[in-house]
C-alpha atoms as a PDB file:
ATOM      1  CA  MET A   1      15.468   7.642  -1.870  1.00  0.00           C
ATOM      2  CA  ARG A   2      17.017   9.453   0.925  1.00  0.00           C
ATOM      3  CA  MET A   3      15.026  11.095   3.997  1.00  0.00           C
ATOM      4  CA  SER A   4      16.338  14.120   5.662  1.00  0.00           C
ATOM      5  CA  PHE A   5      16.097  14.907   9.407  1.00  0.00           C
ATOM      6  CA  GLY A   6      13.803  16.963   9.683  1.00  0.00           C
ATOM      7  CA  LEU A   7      10.122  18.405   7.946  1.00  0.00           C
ATOM      8  CA  THR A   8       9.340  21.908   8.441  1.00  0.00           C
ATOM      9  CA  PHE A   9       5.917  22.778   6.811  1.00  0.00           C
ATOM     10  CA  LYS A  10       4.422  25.842   5.619  1.00  0.00           C
ATOM     11  CA  ARG A  11       3.683  28.621   8.161  1.00  0.00           C
ATOM     12  CA  THR A  12       5.396  27.667  11.405  1.00  0.00           C
ATOM     13  CA  THR A  13       3.541  24.202  11.703  1.00  0.00           C
ATOM     14  CA  LYS A  14       6.908  21.956  12.642  1.00  0.00           C
ATOM     15  CA  VAL A  15       7.429  18.555  12.586  1.00  0.00           C
ATOM     16  CA  ARG A  16      10.401  16.583  14.644  1.00  0.00           C
ATOM     17  CA  TRP A  17      12.041  13.565  13.328  1.00  0.00           C
ATOM     18  CA  ARG A  18      13.542  11.237  16.218  1.00  0.00           C
ATOM     19  CA  ALA A  19      17.526  11.441  15.332  1.00  0.00           C
ATOM     20  CA  ASP A  20      17.494   7.412  15.692  1.00  0.00           C
ATOM     21  CA  PHE A  21      14.867   6.302  12.807  1.00  0.00           C
ATOM     22  CA  SER A  22      15.767   9.057  10.279  1.00  0.00           C
ATOM     23  CA  GLN A  23      19.621   8.124  10.391  1.00  0.00           C
ATOM     24  CA  GLN A  24      18.284   4.268   9.613  1.00  0.00           C
ATOM     25  CA  CYS A  25      15.921   6.107   6.914  1.00  0.00           C
ATOM     26  CA  SER A  26      18.710   8.059   5.172  1.00  0.00           C
ATOM     27  CA  LEU A  27      21.298   4.983   5.339  1.00  0.00           C
ATOM     28  CA  GLY A  28      18.436   3.041   3.228  1.00  0.00           C
ATOM     29  CA  SER A  29      14.872   3.327   3.566  1.00  0.00           C
ATOM     30  CA  THR A  30      14.528   1.455   0.044  1.00  0.00           C
ATOM     31  CA  GLY A  31      15.435  -2.003   1.999  1.00  0.00           C
ATOM     32  CA  LEU A  32      14.613  -0.938   5.939  1.00  0.00           C
ATOM     33  CA  PHE A  33      10.990  -2.891   5.482  1.00  0.00           C
ATOM     34  CA  VAL A  34      12.025  -5.611   3.394  1.00  0.00           C
ATOM     35  CA  PRO A  35      12.801  -9.259   4.990  1.00  0.00           C
ATOM     36  CA  PRO A  36      15.411 -11.077   4.205  1.00  0.00           C
ATOM     37  CA  SER A  37      15.404 -13.132   1.482  1.00  0.00           C
ATOM     38  CA  PRO A  38      17.644 -16.035  -0.333  1.00  0.00           C
ATOM     39  CA  PRO A  39      19.492 -15.359  -3.538  1.00  0.00           C
ATOM     40  CA  LEU A  40      17.432 -15.288  -6.860  1.00  0.00           C
ATOM     41  CA  ASP A  41      16.928 -19.127  -7.962  1.00  0.00           C
ATOM     42  CA  PRO A  42      18.003 -19.506 -11.677  1.00  0.00           C
ATOM     43  CA  GLY A  43      15.756 -22.026 -12.302  1.00  0.00           C
ATOM     44  CA  LYS A  44      12.872 -20.391 -10.161  1.00  0.00           C
ATOM     45  CA  VAL A  45      13.791 -17.409 -12.520  1.00  0.00           C
ATOM     46  CA  LYS A  46      13.285 -19.530 -15.595  1.00  0.00           C
ATOM     47  CA  GLU A  47      10.214 -21.118 -14.405  1.00  0.00           C
ATOM     48  CA  LEU A  48       8.602 -18.074 -14.138  1.00  0.00           C
ATOM     49  CA  GLN A  49      10.211 -16.954 -17.145  1.00  0.00           C
ATOM     50  CA  ARG A  50       7.505 -20.087 -18.986  1.00  0.00           C
ATOM     51  CA  PHE A  51       4.651 -19.505 -16.410  1.00  0.00           C
ATOM     52  CA  ILE A  52       4.284 -15.522 -17.796  1.00  0.00           C
ATOM     53  CA  THR A  53       5.389 -16.881 -21.830  1.00  0.00           C
ATOM     54  CA  LEU A  54       2.640 -18.892 -21.506  1.00  0.00           C
ATOM     55  CA  SER A  55       0.010 -16.697 -20.055  1.00  0.00           C
ATOM     56  CA  LYS A  56      -2.175 -14.467 -23.116  1.00  0.00           C
ATOM     57  CA  ARG A  57      -4.324 -13.051 -20.131  1.00  0.00           C
ATOM     58  CA  LEU A  58      -2.512 -12.584 -17.475  1.00  0.00           C
ATOM     59  CA  LEU A  59      -3.949 -10.565 -13.963  1.00  0.00           C
ATOM     60  CA  VAL A  60      -1.698  -9.713 -11.572  1.00  0.00           C
ATOM     61  CA  MET A  61      -2.402  -9.369  -7.773  1.00  0.00           C
ATOM     62  CA  THR A  62       0.028  -6.980  -6.180  1.00  0.00           C
ATOM     63  CA  GLY A  63      -0.037  -6.488  -1.751  1.00  0.00           C
ATOM     64  CA  ALA A  64       2.339  -4.604   0.774  1.00  0.00           C
ATOM     65  CA  GLY A  65       5.851  -6.796   0.095  1.00  0.00           C
ATOM     66  CA  ILE A  66       5.414  -5.404  -3.376  1.00  0.00           C
ATOM     67  CA  SER A  67       6.332  -1.690  -2.129  1.00  0.00           C
ATOM     68  CA  THR A  68       8.477  -2.546   0.586  1.00  0.00           C
ATOM     69  CA  GLU A  69      10.881  -1.794  -1.684  1.00  0.00           C
ATOM     70  CA  SER A  70      10.280   1.693  -1.708  1.00  0.00           C
ATOM     71  CA  GLY A  71      10.389   2.864   1.721  1.00  0.00           C
ATOM     72  CA  ILE A  72       6.802   2.171   2.792  1.00  0.00           C
ATOM     73  CA  PRO A  73       6.512  -0.410   5.879  1.00  0.00           C
ATOM     74  CA  ASP A  74       3.837  -3.814   5.685  1.00  0.00           C
ATOM     75  CA  TYR A  75       2.339  -5.515   8.157  1.00  0.00           C
ATOM     76  CA  ARG A  76       3.263  -8.715   8.906  1.00  0.00           C
ATOM     77  CA  SER A  77       6.527  -9.322   7.338  1.00  0.00           C
ATOM     78  CA  GLU A  78       8.665 -11.631   9.647  1.00  0.00           C
ATOM     79  CA  LYS A  79      11.273  -8.990  11.374  1.00  0.00           C
ATOM     80  CA  VAL A  80      10.822  -5.528   9.622  1.00  0.00           C
ATOM     81  CA  GLY A  81       6.485  -5.110   9.464  1.00  0.00           C
ATOM     82  CA  LEU A  82       4.716  -3.417  11.633  1.00  0.00           C
ATOM     83  CA  TYR A  83       3.214  -6.530  14.045  1.00  0.00           C
ATOM     84  CA  ALA A  84       7.337  -7.565  14.307  1.00  0.00           C
ATOM     85  CA  ARG A  85       8.344  -3.937  15.517  1.00  0.00           C
ATOM     86  CA  THR A  86       5.609  -2.470  17.659  1.00  0.00           C
ATOM     87  CA  ASP A  87       2.554  -4.005  19.495  1.00  0.00           C
ATOM     88  CA  ARG A  88       0.425  -1.040  17.746  1.00  0.00           C
ATOM     89  CA  ARG A  89      -2.852  -2.170  15.089  1.00  0.00           C
ATOM     90  CA  PRO A  90      -3.965  -0.305  12.490  1.00  0.00           C
ATOM     91  CA  ILE A  91      -7.405   1.439  13.119  1.00  0.00           C
ATOM     92  CA  GLN A  92     -10.634  -0.081  12.494  1.00  0.00           C
ATOM     93  CA  HIS A  93     -13.203   1.452  10.621  1.00  0.00           C
ATOM     94  CA  GLY A  94     -15.686   1.643  13.284  1.00  0.00           C
ATOM     95  CA  ASP A  95     -13.747   3.190  15.612  1.00  0.00           C
ATOM     96  CA  PHE A  96     -13.149   5.736  13.145  1.00  0.00           C
ATOM     97  CA  VAL A  97     -16.669   6.217  12.051  1.00  0.00           C
ATOM     98  CA  ARG A  98     -17.688   6.924  15.484  1.00  0.00           C
ATOM     99  CA  SER A  99     -15.537   9.065  16.889  1.00  0.00           C
ATOM    100  CA  ALA A 100     -14.418  12.026  16.881  1.00  0.00           C
ATOM    101  CA  PRO A 101     -10.930  11.436  18.877  1.00  0.00           C
ATOM    102  CA  VAL A 102     -10.004   9.207  17.075  1.00  0.00           C
ATOM    103  CA  ARG A 103     -10.266  10.779  14.234  1.00  0.00           C
ATOM    104  CA  GLN A 104      -8.392  13.620  15.694  1.00  0.00           C
ATOM    105  CA  ARG A 105      -5.775  11.097  16.358  1.00  0.00           C
ATOM    106  CA  TYR A 106      -5.598   9.352  12.967  1.00  0.00           C
ATOM    107  CA  TRP A 107      -5.635  12.799  11.260  1.00  0.00           C
ATOM    108  CA  ALA A 108      -2.525  14.287  13.077  1.00  0.00           C
ATOM    109  CA  ARG A 109      -0.781  11.366  12.735  1.00  0.00           C
ATOM    110  CA  ASN A 110      -1.084  11.156   8.911  1.00  0.00           C
ATOM    111  CA  PHE A 111      -0.674  14.733   8.456  1.00  0.00           C
ATOM    112  CA  VAL A 112       2.629  14.662  10.348  1.00  0.00           C
ATOM    113  CA  GLY A 113       3.701  11.671   7.343  1.00  0.00           C
ATOM    114  CA  TRP A 114       1.605  13.232   4.429  1.00  0.00           C
ATOM    115  CA  PRO A 115       4.733  14.388   3.127  1.00  0.00           C
ATOM    116  CA  ARG A 116       7.052  11.615   3.560  1.00  0.00           C
ATOM    117  CA  PHE A 117       4.112   8.780   2.219  1.00  0.00           C
ATOM    118  CA  SER A 118       3.951  10.908  -1.001  1.00  0.00           C
ATOM    119  CA  SER A 119       6.890  11.237  -1.772  1.00  0.00           C
ATOM    120  CA  HIS A 120       7.516   7.782  -2.622  1.00  0.00           C
ATOM    121  CA  GLN A 121       8.114   6.649  -5.951  1.00  0.00           C
ATOM    122  CA  PRO A 122       7.730   3.474  -7.678  1.00  0.00           C
ATOM    123  CA  ASN A 123      10.682   0.529  -7.605  1.00  0.00           C
ATOM    124  CA  PRO A 124      11.773  -1.299 -10.702  1.00  0.00           C
ATOM    125  CA  ALA A 125       8.845  -4.078  -9.670  1.00  0.00           C
ATOM    126  CA  HIS A 126       5.773  -1.439 -10.296  1.00  0.00           C
ATOM    127  CA  TRP A 127       7.868  -0.383 -13.676  1.00  0.00           C
ATOM    128  CA  ALA A 128       7.892  -3.595 -15.023  1.00  0.00           C
ATOM    129  CA  LEU A 129       4.411  -4.549 -14.468  1.00  0.00           C
ATOM    130  CA  SER A 130       3.462  -1.291 -16.311  1.00  0.00           C
ATOM    131  CA  ASN A 131       5.659  -2.125 -19.127  1.00  0.00           C
ATOM    132  CA  TRP A 132       4.050  -5.628 -18.988  1.00  0.00           C
ATOM    133  CA  GLU A 133       0.724  -3.708 -19.519  1.00  0.00           C
ATOM    134  CA  ARG A 134       2.213  -1.456 -22.192  1.00  0.00           C
ATOM    135  CA  LEU A 135       3.136  -4.598 -24.239  1.00  0.00           C
ATOM    136  CA  GLY A 136      -0.120  -6.569 -23.708  1.00  0.00           C
ATOM    137  CA  LYS A 137       0.916  -8.930 -21.918  1.00  0.00           C
ATOM    138  CA  LEU A 138      -0.901  -7.760 -18.175  1.00  0.00           C
ATOM    139  CA  HIS A 139      -4.585  -8.224 -18.320  1.00  0.00           C
ATOM    140  CA  TRP A 140      -5.455  -6.633 -15.454  1.00  0.00           C
ATOM    141  CA  LEU A 141      -4.014  -5.550 -12.689  1.00  0.00           C
ATOM    142  CA  VAL A 142      -5.663  -5.411  -8.965  1.00  0.00           C
ATOM    143  CA  THR A 143      -3.626  -4.089  -5.792  1.00  0.00           C
ATOM    144  CA  GLN A 144      -4.135  -4.562  -2.312  1.00  0.00           C
ATOM    145  CA  ASN A 145      -2.237  -1.143  -1.429  1.00  0.00           C
ATOM    146  CA  VAL A 146      -3.105   2.364  -0.635  1.00  0.00           C
ATOM    147  CA  ASP A 147       0.003   4.036  -2.122  1.00  0.00           C
ATOM    148  CA  ALA A 148      -0.435   5.008  -5.563  1.00  0.00           C
ATOM    149  CA  LEU A 149       2.593   3.798  -6.727  1.00  0.00           C
ATOM    150  CA  HIS A 150       1.034   1.466  -9.806  1.00  0.00           C
ATOM    151  CA  THR A 151      -0.354   4.667 -10.889  1.00  0.00           C
ATOM    152  CA  LYS A 152       2.594   6.857 -10.549  1.00  0.00           C
ATOM    153  CA  ALA A 153       4.052   3.895 -12.760  1.00  0.00           C
ATOM    154  CA  GLY A 154       2.078   4.371 -15.472  1.00  0.00           C
ATOM    155  CA  SER A 155      -0.600   1.340 -15.143  1.00  0.00           C
ATOM    156  CA  GLN A 156      -4.065   2.194 -16.001  1.00  0.00           C
ATOM    157  CA  ARG A 157      -6.184  -1.142 -16.156  1.00  0.00           C
ATOM    158  CA  LEU A 158      -5.887  -1.299 -12.340  1.00  0.00           C
ATOM    159  CA  THR A 159      -8.381  -1.695  -9.767  1.00  0.00           C
ATOM    160  CA  GLU A 160      -7.581  -0.399  -6.283  1.00  0.00           C
ATOM    161  CA  LEU A 161      -9.171  -2.717  -3.839  1.00  0.00           C
ATOM    162  CA  HIS A 162      -8.980  -1.032  -0.812  1.00  0.00           C
ATOM    163  CA  GLY A 163      -8.799   2.143  -2.256  1.00  0.00           C
ATOM    164  CA  CYS A 164      -6.168   5.116  -2.212  1.00  0.00           C
ATOM    165  CA  MET A 165      -4.898   7.288   0.096  1.00  0.00           C
ATOM    166  CA  HIS A 166      -4.333  10.201  -2.517  1.00  0.00           C
ATOM    167  CA  ARG A 167      -8.585  10.429  -1.895  1.00  0.00           C
ATOM    168  CA  VAL A 168     -10.023  12.218   0.798  1.00  0.00           C
ATOM    169  CA  LEU A 169     -13.965  11.081   1.260  1.00  0.00           C
ATOM    170  CA  CYS A 170     -16.724  12.698   2.860  1.00  0.00           C
ATOM    171  CA  LEU A 171     -18.670  10.651   5.233  1.00  0.00           C
ATOM    172  CA  ASP A 172     -21.697  12.008   4.956  1.00  0.00           C
ATOM    173  CA  CYS A 173     -22.266  13.836   1.106  1.00  0.00           C
ATOM    174  CA  GLY A 174     -19.541  11.703  -0.429  1.00  0.00           C
ATOM    175  CA  GLU A 175     -17.898  14.379  -1.664  1.00  0.00           C
ATOM    176  CA  GLN A 176     -14.063  13.283  -2.816  1.00  0.00           C
ATOM    177  CA  THR A 177     -11.290  15.325  -2.870  1.00  0.00           C
ATOM    178  CA  PRO A 178      -7.821  15.564  -3.057  1.00  0.00           C
ATOM    179  CA  ARG A 179      -5.607  14.818  -0.339  1.00  0.00           C
ATOM    180  CA  GLY A 180      -3.097  17.076  -1.146  1.00  0.00           C
ATOM    181  CA  ALA A 181      -5.658  19.834  -1.151  1.00  0.00           C
ATOM    182  CA  LEU A 182      -6.084  18.799   2.347  1.00  0.00           C
ATOM    183  CA  GLN A 183      -2.953  18.810   3.929  1.00  0.00           C
ATOM    184  CA  GLU A 184      -3.013  22.848   3.358  1.00  0.00           C
ATOM    185  CA  ARG A 185      -6.107  23.006   5.111  1.00  0.00           C
ATOM    186  CA  PHE A 186      -4.458  21.348   7.781  1.00  0.00           C
ATOM    187  CA  GLN A 187      -1.425  23.814   7.659  1.00  0.00           C
ATOM    188  CA  VAL A 188      -4.543  26.502   8.260  1.00  0.00           C
ATOM    189  CA  LEU A 189      -5.825  25.438  11.070  1.00  0.00           C
ATOM    190  CA  ASN A 190      -2.641  24.107  13.071  1.00  0.00           C
ATOM    191  CA  PRO A 191       0.183  27.403  12.025  1.00  0.00           C
ATOM    192  CA  THR A 192       1.700  26.752  15.365  1.00  0.00           C
ATOM    193  CA  TRP A 193       1.191  22.761  15.865  1.00  0.00           C
ATOM    194  CA  SER A 194       4.408  21.278  16.567  1.00  0.00           C
ATOM    195  CA  ALA A 195       5.187  17.219  17.016  1.00  0.00           C
ATOM    196  CA  GLU A 196       8.047  14.783  17.118  1.00  0.00           C
ATOM    197  CA  ALA A 197       7.787  11.806  15.235  1.00  0.00           C
ATOM    198  CA  HIS A 198       8.156   8.252  15.796  1.00  0.00           C
ATOM    199  CA  GLY A 199       8.746   6.149  13.326  1.00  0.00           C
ATOM    200  CA  LEU A 200       6.631   4.993   9.979  1.00  0.00           C
ATOM    201  CA  ALA A 201       3.232   2.767  10.011  1.00  0.00           C
ATOM    202  CA  PRO A 202       2.258   1.019   6.736  1.00  0.00           C
ATOM    203  CA  ASP A 203      -0.357   3.477   5.444  1.00  0.00           C
ATOM    204  CA  GLY A 204       0.821   7.319   5.798  1.00  0.00           C
ATOM    205  CA  ASP A 205       0.701   8.070   8.877  1.00  0.00           C
ATOM    206  CA  VAL A 206       3.364   7.981  11.964  1.00  0.00           C
ATOM    207  CA  PHE A 207       3.794   7.677  15.883  1.00  0.00           C
ATOM    208  CA  LEU A 208       2.672  10.914  17.967  1.00  0.00           C
ATOM    209  CA  THR A 209       1.831  11.075  21.611  1.00  0.00           C
ATOM    210  CA  GLU A 210      -1.485  11.972  23.556  1.00  0.00           C
ATOM    211  CA  GLU A 211      -0.059  15.595  24.070  1.00  0.00           C
ATOM    212  CA  GLU A 212       0.721  16.612  21.099  1.00  0.00           C
ATOM    213  CA  VAL A 213      -2.698  14.919  19.660  1.00  0.00           C
ATOM    214  CA  GLN A 214      -5.153  16.390  21.900  1.00  0.00           C
ATOM    215  CA  SER A 215      -4.599  19.759  20.376  1.00  0.00           C
ATOM    216  CA  PHE A 216      -4.715  19.257  16.509  1.00  0.00           C
ATOM    217  CA  ARG A 217      -7.462  20.800  14.610  1.00  0.00           C
ATOM    218  CA  VAL A 218      -8.936  19.028  12.120  1.00  0.00           C
ATOM    219  CA  PRO A 219     -11.376  20.571   9.142  1.00  0.00           C
ATOM    220  CA  SER A 220     -14.719  19.352   7.849  1.00  0.00           C
ATOM    221  CA  CYS A 221     -16.083  18.844   4.940  1.00  0.00           C
ATOM    222  CA  SER A 222     -16.545  21.931   2.813  1.00  0.00           C
ATOM    223  CA  ARG A 223     -19.184  20.780   0.757  1.00  0.00           C
ATOM    224  CA  CYS A 224     -21.812  19.560   3.905  1.00  0.00           C
ATOM    225  CA  GLY A 225     -19.501  19.737   6.994  1.00  0.00           C
ATOM    226  CA  GLY A 226     -19.267  16.373   7.788  1.00  0.00           C
ATOM    227  CA  PRO A 227     -16.357  14.610   8.525  1.00  0.00           C
ATOM    228  CA  LEU A 228     -13.455  13.748   6.466  1.00  0.00           C
ATOM    229  CA  LYS A 229     -11.862  10.080   5.820  1.00  0.00           C
ATOM    230  CA  PRO A 230      -9.327   9.045   3.455  1.00  0.00           C
ATOM    231  CA  ASP A 231     -10.450   6.836   0.221  1.00  0.00           C
ATOM    232  CA  VAL A 232      -9.094   3.461   1.186  1.00  0.00           C
ATOM    233  CA  VAL A 233     -11.091   0.538   3.317  1.00  0.00           C
ATOM    234  CA  PHE A 234      -9.806   0.129   6.812  1.00  0.00           C
ATOM    235  CA  PHE A 235      -9.553  -2.705   9.255  1.00  0.00           C
ATOM    236  CA  GLY A 236     -12.870  -3.949  10.019  1.00  0.00           C
ATOM    237  CA  ASP A 237     -14.404  -1.905   6.643  1.00  0.00           C
ATOM    238  CA  THR A 238     -15.542  -3.936   3.695  1.00  0.00           C
ATOM    239  CA  VAL A 239     -14.638  -3.391  -0.005  1.00  0.00           C
ATOM    240  CA  LYS A 240     -17.907  -2.310  -2.038  1.00  0.00           C
ATOM    241  CA  LEU A 241     -19.755  -5.013  -3.637  1.00  0.00           C
ATOM    242  CA  ASP A 242     -19.248  -3.974  -7.608  1.00  0.00           C
ATOM    243  CA  THR A 243     -15.960  -3.605  -7.127  1.00  0.00           C
ATOM    244  CA  VAL A 244     -15.787  -7.388  -6.030  1.00  0.00           C
ATOM    245  CA  ASP A 245     -17.687  -8.136  -9.048  1.00  0.00           C
ATOM    246  CA  PHE A 246     -15.845  -6.355 -11.251  1.00  0.00           C
ATOM    247  CA  VAL A 247     -12.850  -8.254 -10.162  1.00  0.00           C
ATOM    248  CA  HIS A 248     -13.906 -11.442  -9.921  1.00  0.00           C
ATOM    249  CA  ASN A 249     -15.269 -11.185 -14.060  1.00  0.00           C
ATOM    250  CA  ARG A 250     -12.035 -10.020 -14.709  1.00  0.00           C
ATOM    251  CA  VAL A 251     -10.163 -13.258 -13.053  1.00  0.00           C
ATOM    252  CA  LYS A 252     -12.619 -15.080 -14.601  1.00  0.00           C
ATOM    253  CA  GLU A 253     -11.667 -13.745 -18.360  1.00  0.00           C
ATOM    254  CA  ALA A 254      -7.943 -14.612 -17.361  1.00  0.00           C
ATOM    255  CA  ASP A 255      -6.133 -17.788 -18.202  1.00  0.00           C
ATOM    256  CA  SER A 256      -3.511 -17.553 -15.151  1.00  0.00           C
ATOM    257  CA  LEU A 257      -2.867 -15.957 -11.910  1.00  0.00           C
ATOM    258  CA  LEU A 258       0.331 -14.148 -10.820  1.00  0.00           C
ATOM    259  CA  VAL A 259       0.005 -12.798  -7.024  1.00  0.00           C
ATOM    260  CA  VAL A 260       3.028 -10.477  -6.207  1.00  0.00           C
ATOM    261  CA  GLY A 261       3.920  -9.638  -2.832  1.00  0.00           C
ATOM    262  CA  SER A 262       1.502 -10.547  -0.884  1.00  0.00           C
ATOM    263  CA  SER A 263       0.957 -13.310   1.916  1.00  0.00           C
ATOM    264  CA  LEU A 264      -3.073 -13.330   1.212  1.00  0.00           C
ATOM    265  CA  GLN A 265      -3.980 -13.160   4.906  1.00  0.00           C
ATOM    266  CA  VAL A 266      -6.975 -10.760   3.951  1.00  0.00           C
ATOM    267  CA  TYR A 267     -10.073 -11.858   3.167  1.00  0.00           C
ATOM    268  CA  SER A 268     -10.656  -9.437   0.337  1.00  0.00           C
ATOM    269  CA  GLY A 269      -7.843 -10.766  -1.957  1.00  0.00           C
ATOM    270  CA  TYR A 270      -7.622 -13.886  -0.700  1.00  0.00           C
ATOM    271  CA  ARG A 271     -11.607 -14.738  -2.638  1.00  0.00           C
ATOM    272  CA  PHE A 272     -10.118 -14.178  -5.731  1.00  0.00           C
ATOM    273  CA  ILE A 273      -7.512 -17.016  -5.381  1.00  0.00           C
ATOM    274  CA  LEU A 274     -10.221 -18.963  -4.651  1.00  0.00           C
ATOM    275  CA  THR A 275     -12.087 -17.560  -7.706  1.00  0.00           C
ATOM    276  CA  ALA A 276      -9.090 -18.642 -10.318  1.00  0.00           C
ATOM    277  CA  ARG A 277      -9.188 -22.474  -8.386  1.00  0.00           C
ATOM    278  CA  GLU A 278     -12.484 -22.553  -8.984  1.00  0.00           C
ATOM    279  CA  LYS A 279     -11.947 -21.816 -12.482  1.00  0.00           C
ATOM    280  CA  LYS A 280      -8.683 -24.317 -12.993  1.00  0.00           C
ATOM    281  CA  LEU A 281      -6.379 -21.248 -13.842  1.00  0.00           C
ATOM    282  CA  PRO A 282      -2.333 -21.711 -13.112  1.00  0.00           C
ATOM    283  CA  ILE A 283      -1.335 -19.358 -10.152  1.00  0.00           C
ATOM    284  CA  ALA A 284       2.454 -18.338  -9.672  1.00  0.00           C
ATOM    285  CA  ILE A 285       3.123 -16.070  -5.858  1.00  0.00           C
ATOM    286  CA  LEU A 286       5.974 -14.116  -5.739  1.00  0.00           C
ATOM    287  CA  ASN A 287       6.625 -12.975  -1.920  1.00  0.00           C
ATOM    288  CA  ILE A 288       9.125 -13.795   0.682  1.00  0.00           C
ATOM    289  CA  GLY A 289       7.712 -15.778   2.998  1.00  0.00           C
ATOM    290  CA  PRO A 290       4.513 -18.133   3.541  1.00  0.00           C
ATOM    291  CA  THR A 291       1.521 -17.274   2.254  1.00  0.00           C
ATOM    292  CA  ARG A 292      -2.015 -18.458   2.493  1.00  0.00           C
ATOM    293  CA  SER A 293      -1.996 -19.974  -0.804  1.00  0.00           C
ATOM    294  CA  ASP A 294       0.819 -21.829  -1.448  1.00  0.00           C
ATOM    295  CA  ASP A 295      -0.430 -25.191  -1.322  1.00  0.00           C
ATOM    296  CA  LEU A 296      -2.607 -24.196  -4.562  1.00  0.00           C
ATOM    297  CA  ALA A 297      -0.076 -22.647  -6.431  1.00  0.00           C
ATOM    298  CA  SER A 298       1.933 -24.021  -8.888  1.00  0.00           C
ATOM    299  CA  LEU A 299       5.355 -22.247  -8.564  1.00  0.00           C
ATOM    300  CA  LYS A 300       6.664 -19.978  -5.646  1.00  0.00           C
ATOM    301  CA  LEU A 301       9.383 -17.405  -5.530  1.00  0.00           C
ATOM    302  CA  ASP A 302      10.854 -15.940  -2.197  1.00  0.00           C
ATOM    303  CA  SER A 303      12.711 -12.846  -3.882  1.00  0.00           C
ATOM    304  CA  ARG A 304      12.703  -9.393  -3.724  1.00  0.00           C
ATOM    305  CA  CYS A 305       9.909  -8.427  -6.672  1.00  0.00           C
ATOM    306  CA  GLY A 306      12.157  -5.679  -7.718  1.00  0.00           C
ATOM    307  CA  GLU A 307      14.863  -7.767  -8.145  1.00  0.00           C
ATOM    308  CA  LEU A 308      13.059 -10.882  -9.925  1.00  0.00           C
ATOM    309  CA  LEU A 309      10.216  -8.908 -12.026  1.00  0.00           C
ATOM    310  CA  PRO A 310      12.205  -6.764 -14.062  1.00  0.00           C
ATOM    311  CA  LEU A 311      14.513  -9.893 -15.278  1.00  0.00           C
ATOM    312  CA  ILE A 312      11.241 -11.357 -17.310  1.00  0.00           C
ATOM    313  CA  ASP A 313      11.050 -11.304 -20.764  1.00  0.00           C
ATOM    314  CA  PRO A 314       6.783 -10.091 -21.013  1.00  0.00           C
ATOM    315  CA  ARG A 315       6.883 -11.046 -24.847  1.00  0.00           C
END
């Protein structure tokens, strides 16, 4: 995927990207945020093939590691994740809900990052899982990601555990609207606003200075006038109970569980591994680096998701 040196929005709203970062993205955005991994081990590939062949009702849980190969950074990857590259931390739910200035800063950054974030495309790992579903191998797919890449790849038996950045929610009346429509409202309210972006964050926003943020105008809900929030679970918030119950039931229906691209550090996903263990399901983990559940897995693979999954025959 090629990323240009600059973005100019409709009307006269302009955003400039720092040249050094844009050059990195242009030279290889799909590998920029993927941590180093050892060469594929043919023996491990055969073990995963056997695991998938024996599975009749496979549940797959994916995390940020499946989307780094599409050019989307994650938080925890060694050397290349947000925590390793910067001292910045993700926005907290309570801060967003309580503070209008926090919402203003968030939406200014998200407005700048949205054209790039929304243009990311599925990689071979997303397409492989979609194919597994089409062929009847995949019973259910649970993703912790908010990037809609599984949907873009055609997955339908899907739960977006933490929501999706492509939807916007009113905190007062609950009205849902497409994120693209909000982008147009931002442009109308900020026709002469300009900013210089300083790098990408995992969930679609970029880094801006406080001076740039101060003049940014944020629209309210067109239905009730309430504050708007992306329809995602921020840090410090909790997944809806009915969603948790739904996924627990899918795990109980499954006969095996495969984790793809997740360190399972966040409890919202880890709890389903505990359910799988209680049900004595075989667990396989494909993730570069250690995870919270390595000791519970019968198979652990440290490989790129997009390199390994397309090698597996789901039939």
